[in-house]
Protein backbone atom coordinates (compact mmCIF):
# COMPACT_ATOMS: atom_id res chain seq x y z
CA UNK A 1 42.71 -53.48 -24.34
CA UNK A 2 39.50 -52.04 -24.99
CA UNK A 3 37.71 -49.24 -23.25
CA UNK A 4 34.31 -49.67 -22.79
CA UNK A 5 32.21 -46.38 -23.95
CA UNK A 6 29.44 -45.32 -21.32
CA UNK A 7 27.94 -42.11 -20.68
CA UNK A 8 29.26 -40.94 -17.54
CA UNK A 9 26.70 -40.83 -14.71
CA UNK A 10 27.49 -37.36 -13.68
CA UNK A 11 26.29 -35.87 -16.82
CA UNK A 12 22.87 -37.51 -16.55
CA UNK A 13 22.57 -36.65 -13.17
CA UNK A 14 23.69 -33.02 -13.26
CA UNK A 15 21.05 -32.92 -16.37
CA UNK A 16 18.11 -34.21 -14.00
CA UNK A 17 19.26 -31.96 -11.60
CA UNK A 18 18.79 -28.96 -13.88
CA UNK A 19 15.74 -30.02 -15.21
CA UNK A 20 13.99 -30.53 -11.62
CA UNK A 21 15.39 -26.65 -10.40
CA UNK A 22 13.89 -25.37 -13.84
CA UNK A 23 10.46 -26.93 -13.19
CA UNK A 24 10.58 -25.93 -9.41
CA UNK A 25 11.44 -22.40 -10.40
CA UNK A 26 8.67 -22.64 -12.92
CA UNK A 27 5.92 -23.89 -10.43
CA UNK A 28 7.15 -21.25 -7.78
CA UNK A 29 6.72 -18.66 -10.37
CA UNK A 30 3.42 -19.53 -11.03
CA UNK A 31 2.26 -19.64 -7.83
CA UNK A 32 3.61 -16.10 -7.18
CA UNK A 33 1.65 -14.93 -10.30
CA UNK A 34 -1.34 -16.48 -9.03
CA UNK A 35 -1.49 -15.56 -5.39
CA UNK A 36 -0.76 -11.86 -6.47
CA UNK A 37 -3.39 -11.87 -8.99
CA UNK A 38 -5.37 -12.66 -6.41
CA UNK A 39 -4.08 -10.05 -3.82
CA UNK A 40 -4.87 -7.56 -6.56
CA UNK A 41 -8.34 -8.59 -6.87
CA UNK A 42 -8.71 -8.63 -3.04
CA UNK A 43 -7.36 -5.36 -2.65
CA UNK A 44 -9.69 -4.00 -5.51
CA UNK A 45 -12.72 -5.53 -3.89
CA UNK A 46 -11.66 -3.95 -0.70
CA UNK A 47 -11.18 -0.63 -2.03
CA UNK A 48 -14.61 -0.77 -3.65
CA UNK A 49 -16.28 -1.69 -0.68
CA UNK A 50 -14.42 1.24 1.27
CA UNK A 51 -15.64 3.64 -1.64
CA UNK A 52 -19.32 2.30 -1.30
CA UNK A 53 -19.27 2.81 2.47
CA UNK A 54 -17.52 6.53 2.15
CA UNK A 55 -20.03 7.49 -0.43
CA UNK A 56 -23.10 6.11 1.88
CA UNK A 57 -21.43 7.70 4.68
CA UNK A 58 -21.37 10.99 3.02
CA UNK A 59 -25.07 10.69 1.88
CA UNK A 60 -25.99 9.95 5.48
CA UNK A 61 -24.16 12.81 7.21
CA UNK A 62 -26.08 14.93 4.38
CA UNK A 63 -29.27 13.37 5.42
CA UNK A 64 -28.48 14.22 8.61
CA UNK A 65 -27.38 17.63 8.20
CA UNK A 66 -31.02 18.36 6.92
CA UNK A 67 -32.65 16.63 10.00
CA UNK A 68 -30.79 18.96 12.13
CA UNK A 69 -31.78 21.93 10.19
CA UNK A 70 -35.32 20.96 10.75
CA UNK A 71 -35.11 19.83 14.23
CA UNK A 72 -33.41 23.66 14.78
CA UNK A 73 -36.18 24.94 13.00
CA UNK A 74 -38.93 23.68 14.88
CA UNK A 75 -37.20 24.36 18.29
CA UNK A 76 -36.66 27.84 17.23
CA UNK A 77 -40.62 27.95 16.13
CA UNK A 78 -41.89 26.78 19.53
CA UNK A 79 -43.31 29.68 21.73
CA UNK A 80 -42.40 27.92 24.86
CA UNK A 81 -39.67 25.06 25.15
CA UNK A 82 -41.57 22.04 26.28
CA UNK A 83 -40.36 18.79 25.24
CA UNK A 84 -43.95 17.47 24.79
CA UNK A 85 -44.28 20.42 22.02
CA UNK A 86 -41.19 19.85 20.61
CA UNK A 87 -41.80 15.75 19.98
CA UNK A 88 -45.00 16.46 18.82
CA UNK A 89 -43.87 18.97 16.01
CA UNK A 90 -41.10 16.31 15.20
CA UNK A 91 -43.56 13.76 14.88
CA UNK A 92 -45.51 16.09 12.44
CA UNK A 93 -42.34 16.55 10.47
CA UNK A 94 -40.88 12.96 10.35
CA UNK A 95 -43.95 10.67 9.70
CA UNK A 96 -41.43 7.75 9.87
CA UNK A 97 -40.72 8.82 13.72
CA UNK A 98 -41.58 5.94 16.04
CA UNK A 99 -41.24 6.40 20.04
CA UNK A 100 -38.86 9.24 19.83
CA UNK A 101 -36.44 7.18 16.82
CA UNK A 102 -36.05 8.09 13.60
CA UNK A 103 -34.64 5.71 11.19
CA UNK A 104 -32.81 6.40 8.00
CA UNK A 105 -30.96 4.20 5.60
CA UNK A 106 -28.42 4.77 2.40
CA UNK A 107 -28.10 2.13 -0.20
CA UNK A 108 -24.20 0.72 -0.18
CA UNK A 109 -24.16 -1.04 -3.86
CA UNK A 110 -26.97 -3.93 -4.10
CA UNK A 111 -26.18 -6.03 -1.20
CA UNK A 112 -25.84 -3.82 1.90
CA UNK A 113 -27.06 -0.50 3.37
CA UNK A 114 -26.09 1.95 5.88
CA UNK A 115 -28.51 2.30 8.62
CA UNK A 116 -28.65 5.22 11.37
CA UNK A 117 -31.17 5.14 13.77
CA UNK A 118 -31.60 8.78 15.80
CA UNK A 119 -33.26 9.27 19.37
CA UNK A 120 -34.56 12.63 19.10
CA UNK A 121 -34.24 14.48 22.17
CA UNK A 122 -35.03 18.17 23.51
CA UNK A 123 -31.79 20.13 23.78
CA UNK A 124 -30.57 21.37 27.33
CA UNK A 125 -29.92 24.36 25.73
CA UNK A 126 -30.01 26.08 22.03
CA UNK A 127 -26.75 24.94 21.17
CA UNK A 128 -27.47 21.52 22.51
CA UNK A 129 -27.95 18.39 20.31
CA UNK A 130 -31.29 17.41 18.97
CA UNK A 131 -30.30 13.80 18.66
CA UNK A 132 -28.55 11.00 19.94
CA UNK A 133 -27.23 8.53 17.26
CA UNK A 134 -28.09 5.19 18.48
CA UNK A 135 -27.11 3.19 15.35
CA UNK A 136 -24.64 3.85 12.92
CA UNK A 137 -24.12 0.61 11.09
CA UNK A 138 -23.86 -1.63 7.74
CA UNK A 139 -26.47 -4.12 7.42
CA UNK A 140 -26.90 -6.69 4.50
CA UNK A 141 -29.87 -5.73 2.37
CA UNK A 142 -30.49 -9.08 1.17
CA UNK A 143 -31.75 -12.37 2.96
CA UNK A 144 -29.03 -15.03 3.28
CA UNK A 145 -30.50 -18.53 2.57
CA UNK A 146 -28.09 -21.44 3.94
CA UNK A 147 -27.33 -24.16 1.79
CA UNK A 148 -28.23 -27.33 3.42
CA UNK A 149 -28.55 -29.58 0.20
CA UNK A 150 -25.55 -31.57 1.13
CA UNK A 151 -26.31 -34.19 3.73
CA UNK A 152 -23.29 -34.17 6.47
CA UNK A 153 -24.53 -35.58 9.39
CA UNK A 154 -27.80 -37.57 9.61
CA UNK A 155 -28.71 -38.22 13.29
CA UNK A 156 -31.41 -40.90 11.78
CA UNK A 157 -28.81 -43.20 10.38
């Protein structure tokens, strides 16, 4: 009797299983690498934006300190501590002041600014505050234009 010579089915099946597992591992490795690179890029962008914010914040606080010194000099130079005279001198010292509001900005890169709005006020006593911070926020410096070139919905059809 002759024996048939055929390849065992289990050898081919185990080879296919090993190839499938290797392809799966390579696929997951590539996906993990791409995900890690994207996470690194996002972290760097966040660190850059945070750094820009704190640089602008420091610069704005320096400006705020200078404003505080100027307001203190104005207050100390007044012969009588009247609010109208104080605000009049403040308007002379800060021509950009409008309705007791003083606004200044600090750049945060090309696309954003840090905007501060102060309300100038007469202090209650010599140790009081000369202003109240109304706004301290990041504002987009560029105008955003919506892309409406893709007709998604048309009511005329």
